Structures are given as structure tokens and as C-alpha cells.
Amino acid sequence: MSRWKAAGLHLVICLIVASIVASVIYFVWYPPPYYKVSGGSSLTLLILSVDVVLGPVLTLAVFRAGKRGLKFDLTVIALLQIAALCYGLSVIAIARPVFVVAVIDRFVPVAANEIEDTDLVQVKDPAFASLSWLGPRLVGAVVPEEHKFELAKSALAGRDVEKFPQYYVPYDQVADQIIAHGKPLTALMAKGPAESAQVGAFLAAHGLKQEDVVFVPLHGHDASVAMVISVRSKQPVGTLPIDPW
């Protein structure tokens, strides 16, 4: 086998593994729109591109048919790839969104590494006491009056209410408040012809009229999009990749 054929075979194997890993990340850990909103796209591209390139390039550099110690060299390359992939997956896993929290006038995705274990043990409702591995769960957040001052100080330090699971409640309890802060889709359509066309296509795809829905921001680390909510069911219908601010 030539070094080019060996590197090509290695590349095919890497692409198969990368496709499986990327599917888990995109469809399970970071389902749309969180792949973009929570930074999954940049992390996945960086880690998988490094892993896919690293192995075949090293194989191309060291492979020579009949070379003494070739098996050892290839084993080391494989171990390096596995280590790099495991490290990359651990980074992506701890940054995965586990909750989407409805807070007053917006939705905020919260990553697993943004929730402290000390706060998680204070959760009384078992529905909010664990961090999901199957995509983010929709919840609301309500702060008791006696904790508002303490939480205000925490917010100044960068930890707002959405990062405290002990204040989570079922989404239905805050749905009216979210709807009250919603804006009509005409505000998005006014941004330009492209945005107007996107809104029209969205409504047609879901069989809705403008008066059937409102939108509020879905505000993530890497981007913000418009979360569209039904005024009748008060449940999210989907998102529009338009700046909601």
C-alpha cells in the first residue's frame, strides 16, 4: 500500500467518525437553533477539522510499506486522534445547552457548565434537578421576593436568574408574561425585504397568520434569533434567524 492510499483510507475512516460525532452534536446536544445560538457550530468545526486533518497528515508523513516500527507509529497516531477527539467532545459536552429559560421578555439558553452543583442540589422539583443529555428543556424562572436583592447582586457579577435552577418553574407559569412582552412579526418584516420574505415563508410553512403569533428574543452567547410564540397555545412555534433587537 502506498502512503497516499494509506492516508486516503485513514481520511475516509476519520470522515465517517466525524459524521457520527457531528450528528450527535447537531441533532441531540445542540438541536437547531442552538447549534448557532449557543456556539456549537464553531466548536464542532474547530475540533472535528483538527481531528480529521491530524490523522491523515501524520499517516502520510510516516507511512512507508515494510517500514520497521510502522505499527507503533500508526498506533501512536490513532491514540493522539482519540485523545484529541475525547478532549474536544468533553469541551462541547460541558458547553451544551441544558435549559432554555423564559425570563420576563426573552428566552436564554443555559449551558451545563453555567450551572453550579451547589445550586443544583437546592432544586426541589426533580424535573429541574438534572442536566439533560438529549437537548435543552424549556422552563421559566421566578424569583421569590425575599431573594431579589441577593440575585440583583449576583447579576452584577454575571450570574443572572437563568443560571439558578432553584428558581425554575414550569414554562406555563410564565407564558402569559412572555406573551405580554411579545412583539408582532411586522417589526421583523420592517427590517427589509429579505426578512419580510423569511417571515412570510415561516408563516406559510406553519399555516399561521401574523395575528396568531408574537416574537421575543432568544438570546445566546454567539447569536440572537427571534423565538416565535403562538398567542393561543402560548408555546414556542419555532425560530426565525433574524436579529430580534
Protein backbone atom coordinates (compact mmCIF):
# COMPACT_ATOMS: atom_id res chain seq x y z
CA MET A 1 0.00 0.00 0.00
CA SER A 2 1.32 3.46 -0.91
CA ARG A 3 1.43 6.26 1.62
CA TRP A 4 -1.23 8.16 -0.37
CA LYS A 5 -3.59 5.20 -0.30
CA ALA A 6 -2.97 4.72 3.43
CA ALA A 7 -3.61 8.41 4.12
CA GLY A 8 -6.73 8.29 1.96
CA LEU A 9 -8.07 5.27 3.83
CA HIS A 10 -7.33 7.00 7.12
CA LEU A 11 -9.17 10.08 5.87
CA VAL A 12 -12.27 8.03 4.98
CA ILE A 13 -12.33 6.48 8.46
CA CYS A 14 -11.92 9.92 10.04
CA LEU A 15 -14.76 11.35 7.97
CA ILE A 16 -17.09 8.51 9.00
CA VAL A 17 -16.28 9.03 12.69
CA ALA A 18 -16.60 12.81 12.30
CA SER A 19 -20.00 12.43 10.63
CA ILE A 20 -21.31 10.30 13.51
CA VAL A 21 -19.96 12.70 16.12
CA ALA A 22 -21.27 15.75 14.27
CA SER A 23 -24.73 14.16 14.01
CA VAL A 24 -24.88 13.59 17.77
CA ILE A 25 -23.79 17.15 18.43
CA TYR A 26 -26.14 18.75 15.88
CA PHE A 27 -29.26 16.65 16.38
CA VAL A 28 -29.03 15.76 20.10
CA TRP A 29 -26.82 18.13 22.11
CA TYR A 30 -27.26 21.31 20.05
CA PRO A 31 -30.51 20.92 18.09
CA PRO A 32 -31.36 23.90 15.87
CA PRO A 33 -31.28 26.81 16.54
CA TYR A 34 -28.92 26.18 19.47
CA TYR A 35 -26.15 24.94 17.18
CA LYS A 36 -25.74 28.55 16.09
CA VAL A 37 -27.07 30.42 19.12
CA SER A 38 -25.01 28.55 21.72
CA GLY A 39 -21.78 28.30 19.74
CA GLY A 40 -21.96 24.65 18.77
CA SER A 41 -21.01 25.36 15.16
CA SER A 42 -17.67 27.00 15.91
CA LEU A 43 -16.67 24.39 18.50
CA THR A 44 -17.61 21.45 16.28
CA LEU A 45 -15.88 22.84 13.20
CA LEU A 46 -12.66 23.53 15.09
CA ILE A 47 -12.44 20.20 16.87
CA LEU A 48 -13.51 17.92 14.03
CA SER A 49 -11.44 19.72 11.41
CA VAL A 50 -8.33 19.34 13.58
CA ASP A 51 -9.07 15.68 14.21
CA VAL A 52 -9.87 14.89 10.57
CA VAL A 53 -6.73 16.65 9.31
CA LEU A 54 -4.35 15.49 12.05
CA GLY A 55 -4.52 11.73 11.47
CA PRO A 56 -4.30 11.51 7.67
CA VAL A 57 -1.49 14.10 7.50
CA LEU A 58 0.55 12.23 10.11
CA THR A 59 -0.14 8.94 8.34
CA LEU A 60 1.05 10.45 5.07
CA ALA A 61 4.22 11.64 6.78
CA VAL A 62 5.20 8.36 8.50
CA PHE A 63 3.76 5.61 6.29
CA ARG A 64 6.09 3.51 4.22
CA ALA A 65 5.30 -0.09 3.31
CA GLY A 66 7.57 -2.50 5.17
CA LYS A 67 8.93 0.23 7.44
CA ARG A 68 10.21 -1.04 10.75
CA GLY A 69 8.08 0.23 13.64
CA LEU A 70 5.22 1.27 11.35
CA LYS A 71 2.58 -0.37 13.54
CA PHE A 72 3.89 1.53 16.55
CA ASP A 73 3.79 4.83 14.61
CA LEU A 74 0.22 4.23 13.45
CA THR A 75 -0.85 3.23 16.96
CA VAL A 76 0.56 6.46 18.38
CA ILE A 77 -1.25 8.47 15.70
CA ALA A 78 -4.52 6.70 16.48
CA LEU A 79 -4.09 7.33 20.21
CA LEU A 80 -3.35 11.01 19.58
CA GLN A 81 -6.50 11.30 17.50
CA ILE A 82 -8.63 9.54 20.08
CA ALA A 83 -7.24 11.77 22.83
CA ALA A 84 -7.88 14.92 20.79
CA LEU A 85 -11.41 13.80 19.92
CA CYS A 86 -12.23 12.89 23.53
CA TYR A 87 -10.95 16.23 24.76
CA GLY A 88 -12.91 18.07 22.10
CA LEU A 89 -16.09 16.17 22.88
CA SER A 90 -15.71 16.91 26.58
CA VAL A 91 -15.44 20.63 25.80
CA ILE A 92 -18.53 20.51 23.59
CA ALA A 93 -20.45 18.39 26.10
CA ILE A 94 -19.95 20.69 29.08
CA ALA A 95 -20.96 23.68 26.96
CA ARG A 96 -24.15 22.02 25.65
CA PRO A 97 -27.40 23.89 26.36
CA VAL A 98 -29.42 22.06 29.01
CA PHE A 99 -32.21 24.56 29.69
CA VAL A 100 -33.94 27.30 27.72
CA VAL A 101 -35.19 29.70 30.37
CA ALA A 102 -38.07 32.10 29.79
CA VAL A 103 -37.21 35.26 31.72
CA ILE A 104 -39.60 38.24 31.58
CA ASP A 105 -39.17 39.28 27.92
CA ARG A 106 -36.79 36.74 26.38
CA PHE A 107 -35.54 33.17 26.26
CA VAL A 108 -31.99 32.40 27.38
CA PRO A 109 -30.21 29.08 26.69
CA VAL A 110 -28.15 27.93 29.65
CA ALA A 111 -25.16 25.62 29.25
CA ALA A 112 -24.29 22.74 31.55
CA ASN A 113 -21.12 24.47 32.76
CA GLU A 114 -23.08 27.59 33.74
CA ILE A 115 -24.99 25.78 36.49
CA GLU A 116 -23.22 25.21 39.79
CA ASP A 117 -23.59 21.90 41.61
CA THR A 118 -24.30 23.83 44.81
CA ASP A 119 -27.36 25.37 43.15
CA LEU A 120 -28.48 22.13 41.53
CA VAL A 121 -28.73 20.36 44.90
CA GLN A 122 -31.15 23.05 46.09
CA VAL A 123 -33.69 22.20 43.38
CA LYS A 124 -36.86 20.71 44.82
CA ASP A 125 -38.64 19.80 41.59
CA PRO A 126 -36.98 16.68 40.12
CA ALA A 127 -37.81 17.93 36.62
CA PHE A 128 -35.12 20.59 37.04
CA ALA A 129 -32.65 18.66 39.16
CA SER A 130 -30.64 17.08 36.34
CA LEU A 131 -28.80 18.29 33.26
CA SER A 132 -30.25 16.91 30.05
CA TRP A 133 -28.16 14.97 27.51
CA LEU A 134 -31.00 14.99 24.96
CA GLY A 135 -31.31 18.69 24.18
CA PRO A 136 -32.37 21.70 26.24
CA ARG A 137 -35.58 21.69 28.27
CA LEU A 138 -37.97 24.67 28.21
CA VAL A 139 -38.57 26.20 31.65
CA GLY A 140 -39.44 29.52 33.25
CA ALA A 141 -37.79 31.36 36.12
CA VAL A 142 -39.43 33.15 39.03
CA VAL A 143 -37.51 34.78 41.88
CA PRO A 144 -39.15 34.94 45.32
CA GLU A 145 -39.43 38.48 46.64
CA GLU A 146 -37.07 37.79 49.54
CA HIS A 147 -34.28 36.71 47.16
CA LYS A 148 -34.46 39.58 44.66
CA PHE A 149 -31.82 41.76 46.29
CA GLU A 150 -29.38 38.87 46.59
CA LEU A 151 -29.98 37.92 42.97
CA ALA A 152 -29.53 41.52 41.81
CA LYS A 153 -26.02 41.49 43.29
CA SER A 154 -25.31 38.19 41.58
CA ALA A 155 -26.49 39.60 38.25
CA LEU A 156 -23.95 42.39 38.54
CA ALA A 157 -21.28 39.70 38.84
CA GLY A 158 -22.53 37.97 35.67
CA ARG A 159 -24.85 35.28 37.09
CA ASP A 160 -28.45 36.20 36.44
CA VAL A 161 -31.62 34.32 37.36
CA GLU A 162 -31.49 31.87 34.43
CA LYS A 163 -28.36 30.27 35.90
CA PHE A 164 -30.04 29.34 39.18
CA PRO A 165 -32.14 26.16 38.72
CA GLN A 166 -33.65 26.51 42.20
CA TYR A 167 -35.77 29.33 40.74
CA TYR A 168 -37.04 27.33 37.77
CA VAL A 169 -40.74 26.72 37.30
CA PRO A 170 -42.76 25.04 34.55
CA TYR A 171 -42.87 27.25 31.47
CA ASP A 172 -46.67 27.52 31.65
CA GLN A 173 -46.33 29.62 34.81
CA VAL A 174 -44.50 32.42 32.96
CA ALA A 175 -46.07 32.03 29.50
CA ASP A 176 -48.52 34.93 29.98
CA GLN A 177 -45.68 37.25 30.94
CA ILE A 178 -43.65 36.24 27.89
CA ILE A 179 -46.65 36.75 25.58
CA ALA A 180 -47.29 40.17 27.14
CA HIS A 181 -43.76 41.24 26.17
CA GLY A 182 -44.01 39.77 22.68
CA LYS A 183 -43.85 41.92 19.56
CA PRO A 184 -45.70 41.49 16.25
CA LEU A 185 -43.84 39.95 13.33
CA THR A 186 -44.30 43.20 11.43
CA ALA A 187 -41.37 44.53 13.49
CA LEU A 188 -39.16 41.89 11.86
CA MET A 189 -40.63 42.39 8.41
CA ALA A 190 -39.85 46.10 8.62
CA LYS A 191 -36.13 45.30 8.71
CA GLY A 192 -36.04 44.69 4.96
CA PRO A 193 -37.28 42.60 2.01
CA ALA A 194 -35.17 39.56 2.95
CA GLU A 195 -36.53 39.49 6.49
CA SER A 196 -40.08 40.03 5.22
CA ALA A 197 -39.69 37.06 2.89
CA GLN A 198 -38.37 34.89 5.75
CA VAL A 199 -41.35 35.78 7.92
CA GLY A 200 -43.77 35.05 5.08
CA ALA A 201 -42.17 31.67 4.41
CA PHE A 202 -42.25 30.81 8.13
CA LEU A 203 -45.95 31.64 8.47
CA ALA A 204 -46.81 29.68 5.33
CA ALA A 205 -44.82 26.65 6.49
CA HIS A 206 -46.65 26.59 9.83
CA GLY A 207 -50.08 27.53 8.48
CA LEU A 208 -50.24 30.67 10.61
CA LYS A 209 -51.28 34.29 10.22
CA GLN A 210 -49.40 37.28 11.60
CA GLU A 211 -52.02 37.83 14.31
CA ASP A 212 -51.60 34.23 15.51
CA VAL A 213 -48.08 34.80 16.86
CA VAL A 214 -45.66 37.20 18.52
CA PHE A 215 -41.92 37.01 18.97
CA VAL A 216 -39.38 37.61 21.72
CA PRO A 217 -35.57 37.34 21.56
CA LEU A 218 -33.80 34.04 22.04
CA HIS A 219 -30.53 35.44 23.32
CA GLY A 220 -27.49 33.16 23.22
CA HIS A 221 -23.74 33.53 23.64
CA ASP A 222 -22.94 33.63 19.95
CA ALA A 223 -26.11 34.97 18.36
CA SER A 224 -29.69 36.02 18.94
CA VAL A 225 -32.71 34.95 16.92
CA ALA A 226 -36.44 35.57 17.12
CA MET A 227 -38.46 32.98 19.03
CA VAL A 228 -41.97 32.85 17.59
CA ILE A 229 -44.77 32.05 20.05
CA SER A 230 -48.39 31.16 19.45
CA VAL A 231 -50.73 33.59 21.23
CA ARG A 232 -53.31 30.82 21.53
CA SER A 233 -51.27 27.93 22.93
CA LYS A 234 -48.57 30.26 24.36
CA GLN A 235 -46.00 27.69 23.26
CA PRO A 236 -42.95 28.36 21.05
CA VAL A 237 -43.64 27.54 17.40
CA GLY A 238 -40.11 27.92 16.07
CA THR A 239 -37.39 30.48 15.44
CA LEU A 240 -36.51 32.94 12.72
CA PRO A 241 -32.81 33.63 12.02
CA ILE A 242 -33.38 37.38 12.25
CA ASP A 243 -31.84 39.81 14.76
CA PRO A 244 -34.73 40.36 17.20
CA TRP A 245 -33.38 43.54 18.79
